[in-house]
Amino acid sequence: MHEMAVTESIASICLKHAERHGARKVLQVNIRLGELTGIVDRYVVFYWDVVTKDTIAEGAKLNFTKVPVRARCQRCGDEYPVGEELDLTCPHCGELDSEIVSGKEFTVESIEIE
């Protein structure tokens, strides 16, 4: 599962920034997770305990903000939500030429330290 590698990356980012700021403990990690990433948040939470064991991030809470899939029509500029079927037909003008504008995000938005 790629969630283990992803979780290791999250931990590395958090530890680097926490240590740079002289933190004694990482309390929370806030993550933006797009629906198209294929990353399962509950697996990240599971692996978090493994990869942060014996670090200042051990026991930190992971908070996920889910980012829905949205597209923008190249013809009329309408921006619209994309359903589970991933149909990119513009609901406003019927054009098939649309671009995904959200739902692929995967970022550590912030960390809370002490």
PDB file of N, CA and C in Angstrom:
ATOM      1  N   MET A   1       0.840  -1.185   0.000  1.00  0.00           N
ATOM      2  CA  MET A   1       0.000   0.000   0.000  1.00  0.00           C
ATOM      3  C   MET A   1       0.882   1.243   0.000  1.00  0.00           C
ATOM      4  N   HIS A   2       0.512   2.209  -0.804  1.00  0.00           N
ATOM      5  CA  HIS A   2       1.305   3.422  -0.882  1.00  0.00           C
ATOM      6  C   HIS A   2       1.061   4.350   0.306  1.00  0.00           C
ATOM      7  N   GLU A   3       0.074   4.053   1.130  1.00  0.00           N
ATOM      8  CA  GLU A   3      -0.189   4.899   2.298  1.00  0.00           C
ATOM      9  C   GLU A   3       0.980   4.897   3.284  1.00  0.00           C
ATOM     10  N   MET A   4       1.727   3.804   3.352  1.00  0.00           N
ATOM     11  CA  MET A   4       2.883   3.746   4.258  1.00  0.00           C
ATOM     12  C   MET A   4       3.923   4.781   3.821  1.00  0.00           C
ATOM     13  N   ALA A   5       4.243   4.813   2.540  1.00  0.00           N
ATOM     14  CA  ALA A   5       5.221   5.783   2.036  1.00  0.00           C
ATOM     15  C   ALA A   5       4.708   7.215   2.199  1.00  0.00           C
ATOM     16  N   VAL A   6       3.435   7.416   1.947  1.00  0.00           N
ATOM     17  CA  VAL A   6       2.827   8.733   2.103  1.00  0.00           C
ATOM     18  C   VAL A   6       2.906   9.173   3.566  1.00  0.00           C
ATOM     19  N   THR A   7       2.615   8.265   4.461  1.00  0.00           N
ATOM     20  CA  THR A   7       2.655   8.578   5.895  1.00  0.00           C
ATOM     21  C   THR A   7       4.075   8.900   6.338  1.00  0.00           C
ATOM     22  N   GLU A   8       5.041   8.181   5.819  1.00  0.00           N
ATOM     23  CA  GLU A   8       6.445   8.482   6.129  1.00  0.00           C
ATOM     24  C   GLU A   8       6.806   9.889   5.655  1.00  0.00           C
ATOM     25  N   SER A   9       6.301  10.284   4.505  1.00  0.00           N
ATOM     26  CA  SER A   9       6.570  11.632   3.990  1.00  0.00           C
ATOM     27  C   SER A   9       5.931  12.695   4.875  1.00  0.00           C
ATOM     28  N   ILE A  10       4.705  12.453   5.292  1.00  0.00           N
ATOM     29  CA  ILE A  10       4.026  13.400   6.187  1.00  0.00           C
ATOM     30  C   ILE A  10       4.831  13.554   7.480  1.00  0.00           C
ATOM     31  N   ALA A  11       5.241  12.439   8.045  1.00  0.00           N
ATOM     32  CA  ALA A  11       6.006  12.469   9.294  1.00  0.00           C
ATOM     33  C   ALA A  11       7.317  13.222   9.100  1.00  0.00           C
ATOM     34  N   SER A  12       7.990  12.984   8.011  1.00  0.00           N
ATOM     35  CA  SER A  12       9.261  13.658   7.723  1.00  0.00           C
ATOM     36  C   SER A  12       9.071  15.170   7.638  1.00  0.00           C
ATOM     37  N   ILE A  13       8.030  15.588   6.929  1.00  0.00           N
ATOM     38  CA  ILE A  13       7.734  17.021   6.803  1.00  0.00           C
ATOM     39  C   ILE A  13       7.456  17.624   8.176  1.00  0.00           C
ATOM     40  N   CYS A  14       6.614  16.960   8.954  1.00  0.00           N
ATOM     41  CA  CYS A  14       6.249  17.466  10.281  1.00  0.00           C
ATOM     42  C   CYS A  14       7.446  17.552  11.212  1.00  0.00           C
ATOM     43  N   LEU A  15       8.232  16.503  11.237  1.00  0.00           N
ATOM     44  CA  LEU A  15       9.387  16.478  12.133  1.00  0.00           C
ATOM     45  C   LEU A  15      10.413  17.535  11.744  1.00  0.00           C
ATOM     46  N   LYS A  16      10.641  17.703  10.459  1.00  0.00           N
ATOM     47  CA  LYS A  16      11.595  18.703   9.991  1.00  0.00           C
ATOM     48  C   LYS A  16      11.168  20.099  10.442  1.00  0.00           C
ATOM     49  N   HIS A  17       9.904  20.437  10.223  1.00  0.00           N
ATOM     50  CA  HIS A  17       9.434  21.772  10.592  1.00  0.00           C
ATOM     51  C   HIS A  17       9.335  21.945  12.104  1.00  0.00           C
ATOM     52  N   ALA A  18       8.903  20.913  12.796  1.00  0.00           N
ATOM     53  CA  ALA A  18       8.794  21.000  14.258  1.00  0.00           C
ATOM     54  C   ALA A  18      10.172  21.198  14.891  1.00  0.00           C
ATOM     55  N   GLU A  19      11.135  20.428  14.441  1.00  0.00           N
ATOM     56  CA  GLU A  19      12.483  20.546  15.008  1.00  0.00           C
ATOM     57  C   GLU A  19      13.114  21.885  14.650  1.00  0.00           C
ATOM     58  N   ARG A  20      12.829  22.386  13.444  1.00  0.00           N
ATOM     59  CA  ARG A  20      13.350  23.688  13.020  1.00  0.00           C
ATOM     60  C   ARG A  20      12.841  24.801  13.937  1.00  0.00           C
ATOM     61  N   HIS A  21      11.640  24.619  14.496  1.00  0.00           N
ATOM     62  CA  HIS A  21      11.049  25.632  15.363  1.00  0.00           C
ATOM     63  C   HIS A  21      11.203  25.298  16.847  1.00  0.00           C
ATOM     64  N   GLY A  22      12.039  24.323  17.153  1.00  0.00           N
ATOM     65  CA  GLY A  22      12.331  23.999  18.548  1.00  0.00           C
ATOM     66  C   GLY A  22      11.189  23.350  19.300  1.00  0.00           C
ATOM     67  N   ALA A  23      10.327  22.659  18.612  1.00  0.00           N
ATOM     68  CA  ALA A  23       9.169  22.028  19.256  1.00  0.00           C
ATOM     69  C   ALA A  23       9.594  20.875  20.152  1.00  0.00           C
ATOM     70  N   ARG A  24       8.827  20.698  21.201  1.00  0.00           N
ATOM     71  CA  ARG A  24       9.022  19.542  22.065  1.00  0.00           C
ATOM     72  C   ARG A  24       8.069  18.425  21.688  1.00  0.00           C
ATOM     73  N   LYS A  25       6.940  18.808  21.043  1.00  0.00           N
ATOM     74  CA  LYS A  25       5.896  17.838  20.725  1.00  0.00           C
ATOM     75  C   LYS A  25       5.072  18.341  19.538  1.00  0.00           C
ATOM     76  N   VAL A  26       4.715  17.416  18.656  1.00  0.00           N
ATOM     77  CA  VAL A  26       3.747  17.709  17.598  1.00  0.00           C
ATOM     78  C   VAL A  26       2.398  17.247  18.127  1.00  0.00           C
ATOM     79  N   LEU A  27       1.425  18.164  18.162  1.00  0.00           N
ATOM     80  CA  LEU A  27       0.119  17.854  18.721  1.00  0.00           C
ATOM     81  C   LEU A  27      -0.901  17.454  17.648  1.00  0.00           C
ATOM     82  N   GLN A  28      -0.900  18.193  16.541  1.00  0.00           N
ATOM     83  CA  GLN A  28      -1.868  17.952  15.471  1.00  0.00           C
ATOM     84  C   GLN A  28      -1.222  18.205  14.119  1.00  0.00           C
ATOM     85  N   VAL A  29      -1.733  17.496  13.120  1.00  0.00           N
ATOM     86  CA  VAL A  29      -1.309  17.702  11.744  1.00  0.00           C
ATOM     87  C   VAL A  29      -2.578  17.846  10.910  1.00  0.00           C
ATOM     88  N   ASN A  30      -2.673  18.949  10.168  1.00  0.00           N
ATOM     89  CA  ASN A  30      -3.842  19.221   9.335  1.00  0.00           C
ATOM     90  C   ASN A  30      -3.479  18.981   7.874  1.00  0.00           C
ATOM     91  N   ILE A  31      -4.239  18.093   7.251  1.00  0.00           N
ATOM     92  CA  ILE A  31      -3.920  17.619   5.902  1.00  0.00           C
ATOM     93  C   ILE A  31      -5.100  17.865   4.970  1.00  0.00           C
ATOM     94  N   ARG A  32      -4.829  18.401   3.774  1.00  0.00           N
ATOM     95  CA  ARG A  32      -5.838  18.536   2.710  1.00  0.00           C
ATOM     96  C   ARG A  32      -5.695  17.328   1.806  1.00  0.00           C
ATOM     97  N   LEU A  33      -6.801  16.616   1.621  1.00  0.00           N
ATOM     98  CA  LEU A  33      -6.778  15.359   0.879  1.00  0.00           C
ATOM     99  C   LEU A  33      -7.853  15.357  -0.202  1.00  0.00           C
ATOM    100  N   GLY A  34      -7.417  15.418  -1.454  1.00  0.00           N
ATOM    101  CA  GLY A  34      -8.340  15.412  -2.581  1.00  0.00           C
ATOM    102  C   GLY A  34      -8.918  14.034  -2.818  1.00  0.00           C
ATOM    103  N   GLU A  35     -10.172  14.015  -3.276  1.00  0.00           N
ATOM    104  CA  GLU A  35     -10.862  12.742  -3.514  1.00  0.00           C
ATOM    105  C   GLU A  35     -10.212  11.896  -4.606  1.00  0.00           C
ATOM    106  N   LEU A  36      -9.463  12.518  -5.500  1.00  0.00           N
ATOM    107  CA  LEU A  36      -8.846  11.771  -6.596  1.00  0.00           C
ATOM    108  C   LEU A  36      -7.478  11.179  -6.258  1.00  0.00           C
ATOM    109  N   THR A  37      -6.971  11.433  -5.067  1.00  0.00           N
ATOM    110  CA  THR A  37      -5.626  10.959  -4.733  1.00  0.00           C
ATOM    111  C   THR A  37      -5.546   9.444  -4.580  1.00  0.00           C
ATOM    112  N   GLY A  38      -6.654   8.835  -4.217  1.00  0.00           N
ATOM    113  CA  GLY A  38      -6.636   7.400  -3.962  1.00  0.00           C
ATOM    114  C   GLY A  38      -6.071   7.052  -2.588  1.00  0.00           C
ATOM    115  N   ILE A  39      -5.742   8.060  -1.801  1.00  0.00           N
ATOM    116  CA  ILE A  39      -5.187   7.835  -0.461  1.00  0.00           C
ATOM    117  C   ILE A  39      -6.336   7.647   0.520  1.00  0.00           C
ATOM    118  N   VAL A  40      -6.251   6.595   1.316  1.00  0.00           N
ATOM    119  CA  VAL A  40      -7.297   6.280   2.293  1.00  0.00           C
ATOM    120  C   VAL A  40      -6.842   6.804   3.657  1.00  0.00           C
ATOM    121  N   ASP A  41      -7.556   7.797   4.159  1.00  0.00           N
ATOM    122  CA  ASP A  41      -7.132   8.463   5.394  1.00  0.00           C
ATOM    123  C   ASP A  41      -7.009   7.520   6.583  1.00  0.00           C
ATOM    124  N   ARG A  42      -7.886   6.544   6.692  1.00  0.00           N
ATOM    125  CA  ARG A  42      -7.811   5.654   7.863  1.00  0.00           C
ATOM    126  C   ARG A  42      -6.534   4.808   7.840  1.00  0.00           C
ATOM    127  N   TYR A  43      -5.992   4.524   6.661  1.00  0.00           N
ATOM    128  CA  TYR A  43      -4.720   3.797   6.575  1.00  0.00           C
ATOM    129  C   TYR A  43      -3.558   4.705   6.964  1.00  0.00           C
ATOM    130  N   VAL A  44      -3.650   5.967   6.584  1.00  0.00           N
ATOM    131  CA  VAL A  44      -2.622   6.925   6.986  1.00  0.00           C
ATOM    132  C   VAL A  44      -2.596   7.030   8.508  1.00  0.00           C
ATOM    133  N   VAL A  45      -3.769   7.097   9.121  1.00  0.00           N
ATOM    134  CA  VAL A  45      -3.859   7.158  10.586  1.00  0.00           C
ATOM    135  C   VAL A  45      -3.243   5.899  11.194  1.00  0.00           C
ATOM    136  N   PHE A  46      -3.526   4.743  10.625  1.00  0.00           N
ATOM    137  CA  PHE A  46      -2.968   3.485  11.120  1.00  0.00           C
ATOM    138  C   PHE A  46      -1.435   3.509  11.055  1.00  0.00           C
ATOM    139  N   TYR A  47      -0.886   3.881   9.910  1.00  0.00           N
ATOM    140  CA  TYR A  47       0.569   3.888   9.742  1.00  0.00           C
ATOM    141  C   TYR A  47       1.247   5.001  10.531  1.00  0.00           C
ATOM    142  N   TRP A  48       0.503   6.062  10.832  1.00  0.00           N
ATOM    143  CA  TRP A  48       1.068   7.172  11.586  1.00  0.00           C
ATOM    144  C   TRP A  48       1.654   6.694  12.913  1.00  0.00           C
ATOM    145  N   ASP A  49       0.922   5.842  13.607  1.00  0.00           N
ATOM    146  CA  ASP A  49       1.404   5.315  14.888  1.00  0.00           C
ATOM    147  C   ASP A  49       2.714   4.551  14.727  1.00  0.00           C
ATOM    148  N   VAL A  50       2.859   3.860  13.618  1.00  0.00           N
ATOM    149  CA  VAL A  50       4.071   3.074  13.357  1.00  0.00           C
ATOM    150  C   VAL A  50       5.253   3.981  13.040  1.00  0.00           C
ATOM    151  N   VAL A  51       5.067   4.923  12.117  1.00  0.00           N
ATOM    152  CA  VAL A  51       6.199   5.729  11.645  1.00  0.00           C
ATOM    153  C   VAL A  51       6.615   6.832  12.624  1.00  0.00           C
ATOM    154  N   THR A  52       5.740   7.185  13.566  1.00  0.00           N
ATOM    155  CA  THR A  52       6.105   8.242  14.511  1.00  0.00           C
ATOM    156  C   THR A  52       6.496   7.707  15.889  1.00  0.00           C
ATOM    157  N   LYS A  53       6.511   6.402  16.037  1.00  0.00           N
ATOM    158  CA  LYS A  53       6.875   5.806  17.329  1.00  0.00           C
ATOM    159  C   LYS A  53       8.246   6.329  17.770  1.00  0.00           C
ATOM    160  N   ASP A  54       8.312   6.741  19.022  1.00  0.00           N
ATOM    161  CA  ASP A  54       9.547   7.253  19.632  1.00  0.00           C
ATOM    162  C   ASP A  54      10.048   8.550  18.998  1.00  0.00           C
ATOM    163  N   THR A  55       9.140   9.346  18.434  1.00  0.00           N
ATOM    164  CA  THR A  55       9.492  10.672  17.926  1.00  0.00           C
ATOM    165  C   THR A  55       8.626  11.699  18.636  1.00  0.00           C
ATOM    166  N   ILE A  56       8.906  12.975  18.397  1.00  0.00           N
ATOM    167  CA  ILE A  56       8.084  14.019  19.017  1.00  0.00           C
ATOM    168  C   ILE A  56       6.695  14.112  18.383  1.00  0.00           C
ATOM    169  N   ALA A  57       6.475  13.373  17.305  1.00  0.00           N
ATOM    170  CA  ALA A  57       5.149  13.360  16.660  1.00  0.00           C
ATOM    171  C   ALA A  57       4.287  12.184  17.123  1.00  0.00           C
ATOM    172  N   GLU A  58       4.852  11.313  17.950  1.00  0.00           N
ATOM    173  CA  GLU A  58       4.074  10.167  18.437  1.00  0.00           C
ATOM    174  C   GLU A  58       2.833  10.667  19.175  1.00  0.00           C
ATOM    175  N   GLY A  59       1.675  10.132  18.812  1.00  0.00           N
ATOM    176  CA  GLY A  59       0.419  10.501  19.453  1.00  0.00           C
ATOM    177  C   GLY A  59      -0.256  11.735  18.875  1.00  0.00           C
ATOM    178  N   ALA A  60       0.374  12.387  17.899  1.00  0.00           N
ATOM    179  CA  ALA A  60      -0.247  13.569  17.290  1.00  0.00           C
ATOM    180  C   ALA A  60      -1.524  13.166  16.555  1.00  0.00           C
ATOM    181  N   LYS A  61      -2.495  14.047  16.582  1.00  0.00           N
ATOM    182  CA  LYS A  61      -3.765  13.795  15.917  1.00  0.00           C
ATOM    183  C   LYS A  61      -3.672  14.241  14.459  1.00  0.00           C
ATOM    184  N   LEU A  62      -4.186  13.413  13.550  1.00  0.00           N
ATOM    185  CA  LEU A  62      -4.254  13.771  12.137  1.00  0.00           C
ATOM    186  C   LEU A  62      -5.665  14.231  11.810  1.00  0.00           C
ATOM    187  N   ASN A  63      -5.773  15.420  11.231  1.00  0.00           N
ATOM    188  CA  ASN A  63      -7.062  15.973  10.804  1.00  0.00           C
ATOM    189  C   ASN A  63      -7.050  16.077   9.287  1.00  0.00           C
ATOM    190  N   PHE A  64      -8.061  15.515   8.657  1.00  0.00           N
ATOM    191  CA  PHE A  64      -8.145  15.532   7.201  1.00  0.00           C
ATOM    192  C   PHE A  64      -9.279  16.441   6.753  1.00  0.00           C
ATOM    193  N   THR A  65      -8.978  17.317   5.811  1.00  0.00           N
ATOM    194  CA  THR A  65      -9.998  18.107   5.135  1.00  0.00           C
ATOM    195  C   THR A  65     -10.116  17.503   3.740  1.00  0.00           C
ATOM    196  N   LYS A  66     -11.276  16.919   3.460  1.00  0.00           N
ATOM    197  CA  LYS A  66     -11.493  16.280   2.160  1.00  0.00           C
ATOM    198  C   LYS A  66     -11.815  17.356   1.122  1.00  0.00           C
ATOM    199  N   VAL A  67     -11.155  17.253  -0.023  1.00  0.00           N
ATOM    200  CA  VAL A  67     -11.355  18.213  -1.107  1.00  0.00           C
ATOM    201  C   VAL A  67     -12.109  17.507  -2.236  1.00  0.00           C
ATOM    202  N   PRO A  68     -13.325  17.986  -2.535  1.00  0.00           N
ATOM    203  CA  PRO A  68     -14.113  17.339  -3.582  1.00  0.00           C
ATOM    204  C   PRO A  68     -13.550  17.623  -4.979  1.00  0.00           C
ATOM    205  N   VAL A  69     -13.948  16.778  -5.912  1.00  0.00           N
ATOM    206  CA  VAL A  69     -13.522  16.948  -7.296  1.00  0.00           C
ATOM    207  C   VAL A  69     -14.395  18.019  -7.951  1.00  0.00           C
ATOM    208  N   ARG A  70     -13.721  19.012  -8.563  1.00  0.00           N
ATOM    209  CA  ARG A  70     -14.404  20.070  -9.295  1.00  0.00           C
ATOM    210  C   ARG A  70     -13.697  20.237 -10.637  1.00  0.00           C
ATOM    211  N   ALA A  71     -14.469  20.655 -11.629  1.00  0.00           N
ATOM    212  CA  ALA A  71     -13.919  20.876 -12.965  1.00  0.00           C
ATOM    213  C   ALA A  71     -14.345  22.243 -13.475  1.00  0.00           C
ATOM    214  N   ARG A  72     -13.604  22.740 -14.471  1.00  0.00           N
ATOM    215  CA  ARG A  72     -13.938  24.006 -15.122  1.00  0.00           C
ATOM    216  C   ARG A  72     -14.025  23.762 -16.625  1.00  0.00           C
ATOM    217  N   CYS A  73     -15.116  24.208 -17.205  1.00  0.00           N
ATOM    218  CA  CYS A  73     -15.345  24.060 -18.641  1.00  0.00           C
ATOM    219  C   CYS A  73     -14.417  25.009 -19.400  1.00  0.00           C
ATOM    220  N   GLN A  74     -13.703  24.474 -20.378  1.00  0.00           N
ATOM    221  CA  GLN A  74     -12.803  25.290 -21.187  1.00  0.00           C
ATOM    222  C   GLN A  74     -13.577  26.204 -22.147  1.00  0.00           C
ATOM    223  N   ARG A  75     -14.801  25.864 -22.417  1.00  0.00           N
ATOM    224  CA  ARG A  75     -15.614  26.642 -23.365  1.00  0.00           C
ATOM    225  C   ARG A  75     -16.316  27.825 -22.693  1.00  0.00           C
ATOM    226  N   CYS A  76     -17.094  27.545 -21.636  1.00  0.00           N
ATOM    227  CA  CYS A  76     -17.898  28.616 -21.025  1.00  0.00           C
ATOM    228  C   CYS A  76     -17.332  29.122 -19.697  1.00  0.00           C
ATOM    229  N   GLY A  77     -16.354  28.395 -19.123  1.00  0.00           N
ATOM    230  CA  GLY A  77     -15.740  28.826 -17.869  1.00  0.00           C
ATOM    231  C   GLY A  77     -16.493  28.424 -16.618  1.00  0.00           C
ATOM    232  N   ASP A  78     -17.615  27.736 -16.778  1.00  0.00           N
ATOM    233  CA  ASP A  78     -18.393  27.299 -15.622  1.00  0.00           C
ATOM    234  C   ASP A  78     -17.574  26.304 -14.798  1.00  0.00           C
ATOM    235  N   GLU A  79     -17.598  26.473 -13.490  1.00  0.00           N
ATOM    236  CA  GLU A  79     -16.938  25.534 -12.591  1.00  0.00           C
ATOM    237  C   GLU A  79     -18.021  24.731 -11.886  1.00  0.00           C
ATOM    238  N   TYR A  80     -17.833  23.412 -11.808  1.00  0.00           N
ATOM    239  CA  TYR A  80     -18.900  22.558 -11.291  1.00  0.00           C
ATOM    240  C   TYR A  80     -18.336  21.335 -10.578  1.00  0.00           C
ATOM    241  N   PRO A  81     -19.132  20.762  -9.652  1.00  0.00           N
ATOM    242  CA  PRO A  81     -18.708  19.537  -8.969  1.00  0.00           C
ATOM    243  C   PRO A  81     -18.776  18.349  -9.928  1.00  0.00           C
ATOM    244  N   VAL A  82     -17.848  17.432  -9.740  1.00  0.00           N
ATOM    245  CA  VAL A  82     -17.809  16.210 -10.553  1.00  0.00           C
ATOM    246  C   VAL A  82     -18.253  15.059  -9.661  1.00  0.00           C
ATOM    247  N   GLY A  83     -19.212  14.300 -10.116  1.00  0.00           N
ATOM    248  CA  GLY A  83     -19.742  13.184  -9.336  1.00  0.00           C
ATOM    249  C   GLY A  83     -18.825  11.974  -9.361  1.00  0.00           C
ATOM    250  N   GLU A  84     -19.246  10.935  -8.670  1.00  0.00           N
ATOM    251  CA  GLU A  84     -18.468   9.695  -8.566  1.00  0.00           C
ATOM    252  C   GLU A  84     -18.186   9.049  -9.912  1.00  0.00           C
ATOM    253  N   GLU A  85     -19.069   9.275 -10.885  1.00  0.00           N
ATOM    254  CA  GLU A  85     -18.893   8.672 -12.211  1.00  0.00           C
ATOM    255  C   GLU A  85     -17.826   9.403 -13.024  1.00  0.00           C
ATOM    256  N   LEU A  86     -17.309  10.510 -12.515  1.00  0.00           N
ATOM    257  CA  LEU A  86     -16.266  11.323 -13.148  1.00  0.00           C
ATOM    258  C   LEU A  86     -16.627  11.789 -14.556  1.00  0.00           C
ATOM    259  N   ASP A  87     -17.884  12.117 -14.747  1.00  0.00           N
ATOM    260  CA  ASP A  87     -18.350  12.673 -16.018  1.00  0.00           C
ATOM    261  C   ASP A  87     -17.951  14.148 -16.076  1.00  0.00           C
ATOM    262  N   LEU A  88     -17.115  14.516 -17.046  1.00  0.00           N
ATOM    263  CA  LEU A  88     -16.634  15.890 -17.160  1.00  0.00           C
ATOM    264  C   LEU A  88     -17.437  16.727 -18.152  1.00  0.00           C
ATOM    265  N   THR A  89     -18.632  16.277 -18.491  1.00  0.00           N
ATOM    266  CA  THR A  89     -19.499  17.062 -19.365  1.00  0.00           C
ATOM    267  C   THR A  89     -20.011  18.276 -18.600  1.00  0.00           C
ATOM    268  N   CYS A  90     -19.829  19.450 -19.174  1.00  0.00           N
ATOM    269  CA  CYS A  90     -20.258  20.688 -18.518  1.00  0.00           C
ATOM    270  C   CYS A  90     -21.785  20.700 -18.381  1.00  0.00           C
ATOM    271  N   PRO A  91     -22.293  20.868 -17.175  1.00  0.00           N
ATOM    272  CA  PRO A  91     -23.742  20.891 -16.981  1.00  0.00           C
ATOM    273  C   PRO A  91     -24.381  22.176 -17.526  1.00  0.00           C
ATOM    274  N   HIS A  92     -23.569  23.193 -17.783  1.00  0.00           N
ATOM    275  CA  HIS A  92     -24.086  24.469 -18.271  1.00  0.00           C
ATOM    276  C   HIS A  92     -24.229  24.491 -19.799  1.00  0.00           C
ATOM    277  N   CYS A  93     -23.161  24.046 -20.513  1.00  0.00           N
ATOM    278  CA  CYS A  93     -23.188  24.148 -21.977  1.00  0.00           C
ATOM    279  C   CYS A  93     -23.072  22.808 -22.703  1.00  0.00           C
ATOM    280  N   GLY A  94     -22.804  21.716 -21.956  1.00  0.00           N
ATOM    281  CA  GLY A  94     -22.711  20.394 -22.572  1.00  0.00           C
ATOM    282  C   GLY A  94     -21.368  20.066 -23.203  1.00  0.00           C
ATOM    283  N   GLU A  95     -20.409  20.971 -23.111  1.00  0.00           N
ATOM    284  CA  GLU A  95     -19.068  20.753 -23.679  1.00  0.00           C
ATOM    285  C   GLU A  95     -18.345  19.638 -22.915  1.00  0.00           C
ATOM    286  N   LEU A  96     -17.546  18.871 -23.646  1.00  0.00           N
ATOM    287  CA  LEU A  96     -16.780  17.784 -23.021  1.00  0.00           C
ATOM    288  C   LEU A  96     -15.358  18.190 -22.656  1.00  0.00           C
ATOM    289  N   ASP A  97     -14.951  19.385 -23.003  1.00  0.00           N
ATOM    290  CA  ASP A  97     -13.579  19.843 -22.771  1.00  0.00           C
ATOM    291  C   ASP A  97     -13.495  20.588 -21.441  1.00  0.00           C
ATOM    292  N   SER A  98     -13.327  19.826 -20.373  1.00  0.00           N
ATOM    293  CA  SER A  98     -13.221  20.417 -19.039  1.00  0.00           C
ATOM    294  C   SER A  98     -11.917  20.002 -18.389  1.00  0.00           C
ATOM    295  N   GLU A  99     -11.496  20.811 -17.425  1.00  0.00           N
ATOM    296  CA  GLU A  99     -10.243  20.586 -16.718  1.00  0.00           C
ATOM    297  C   GLU A  99     -10.540  20.400 -15.228  1.00  0.00           C
ATOM    298  N   ILE A 100      -9.912  19.406 -14.621  1.00  0.00           N
ATOM    299  CA  ILE A 100     -10.039  19.198 -13.172  1.00  0.00           C
ATOM    300  C   ILE A 100      -9.315  20.347 -12.471  1.00  0.00           C
ATOM    301  N   VAL A 101     -10.017  21.033 -11.560  1.00  0.00           N
ATOM    302  CA  VAL A 101      -9.403  22.150 -10.841  1.00  0.00           C
ATOM    303  C   VAL A 101      -9.230  21.880  -9.342  1.00  0.00           C
ATOM    304  N   SER A 102      -9.865  20.834  -8.837  1.00  0.00           N
ATOM    305  CA  SER A 102      -9.618  20.442  -7.447  1.00  0.00           C
ATOM    306  C   SER A 102      -9.972  18.965  -7.277  1.00  0.00           C
ATOM    307  N   GLY A 103      -9.382  18.397  -6.239  1.00  0.00           N
ATOM    308  CA  GLY A 103      -9.613  16.987  -5.946  1.00  0.00           C
ATOM    309  C   GLY A 103      -8.345  16.162  -6.028  1.00  0.00           C
ATOM    310  N   LYS A 104      -7.248  16.792  -6.467  1.00  0.00           N
ATOM    311  CA  LYS A 104      -5.966  16.092  -6.565  1.00  0.00           C
ATOM    312  C   LYS A 104      -5.002  16.527  -5.458  1.00  0.00           C
ATOM    313  N   GLU A 105      -5.456  17.403  -4.580  1.00  0.00           N
ATOM    314  CA  GLU A 105      -4.592  17.958  -3.543  1.00  0.00           C
ATOM    315  C   GLU A 105      -4.163  16.897  -2.523  1.00  0.00           C
ATOM    316  N   PHE A 106      -2.962  17.034  -2.084  1.00  0.00           N
ATOM    317  CA  PHE A 106      -2.494  16.264  -0.934  1.00  0.00           C
ATOM    318  C   PHE A 106      -1.374  17.068  -0.305  1.00  0.00           C
ATOM    319  N   THR A 107      -1.715  17.827   0.727  1.00  0.00           N
ATOM    320  CA  THR A 107      -0.737  18.712   1.351  1.00  0.00           C
ATOM    321  C   THR A 107      -0.874  18.690   2.871  1.00  0.00           C
ATOM    322  N   VAL A 108       0.263  18.888   3.521  1.00  0.00           N
ATOM    323  CA  VAL A 108       0.260  19.159   4.956  1.00  0.00           C
ATOM    324  C   VAL A 108      -0.002  20.655   5.048  1.00  0.00           C
ATOM    325  N   GLU A 109      -1.183  20.988   5.492  1.00  0.00           N
ATOM    326  CA  GLU A 109      -1.613  22.390   5.551  1.00  0.00           C
ATOM    327  C   GLU A 109      -0.984  23.119   6.735  1.00  0.00           C
ATOM    328  N   SER A 110      -0.953  22.456   7.891  1.00  0.00           N
ATOM    329  CA  SER A 110      -0.354  23.060   9.081  1.00  0.00           C
ATOM    330  C   SER A 110      -0.102  21.992  10.132  1.00  0.00           C
ATOM    331  N   ILE A 111       0.762  22.356  11.073  1.00  0.00           N
ATOM    332  CA  ILE A 111       0.994  21.473  12.218  1.00  0.00           C
ATOM    333  C   ILE A 111       0.903  22.324  13.486  1.00  0.00           C
ATOM    334  N   GLU A 112       0.418  21.704  14.538  1.00  0.00           N
ATOM    335  CA  GLU A 112       0.350  22.373  15.836  1.00  0.00           C
ATOM    336  C   GLU A 112       1.405  21.742  16.714  1.00  0.00           C
ATOM    337  N   ILE A 113       2.248  22.594  17.293  1.00  0.00           N
ATOM    338  CA  ILE A 113       3.360  22.098  18.115  1.00  0.00           C
ATOM    339  C   ILE A 113       3.341  22.776  19.476  1.00  0.00           C
ATOM    340  N   GLU A 114       4.107  22.196  20.376  1.00  0.00           N
ATOM    341  CA  GLU A 114       4.327  22.884  21.671  1.00  0.00           C
ATOM    342  C   GLU A 114       5.800  22.860  21.967  1.00  0.00           C
TER     343      GLU A 114
END
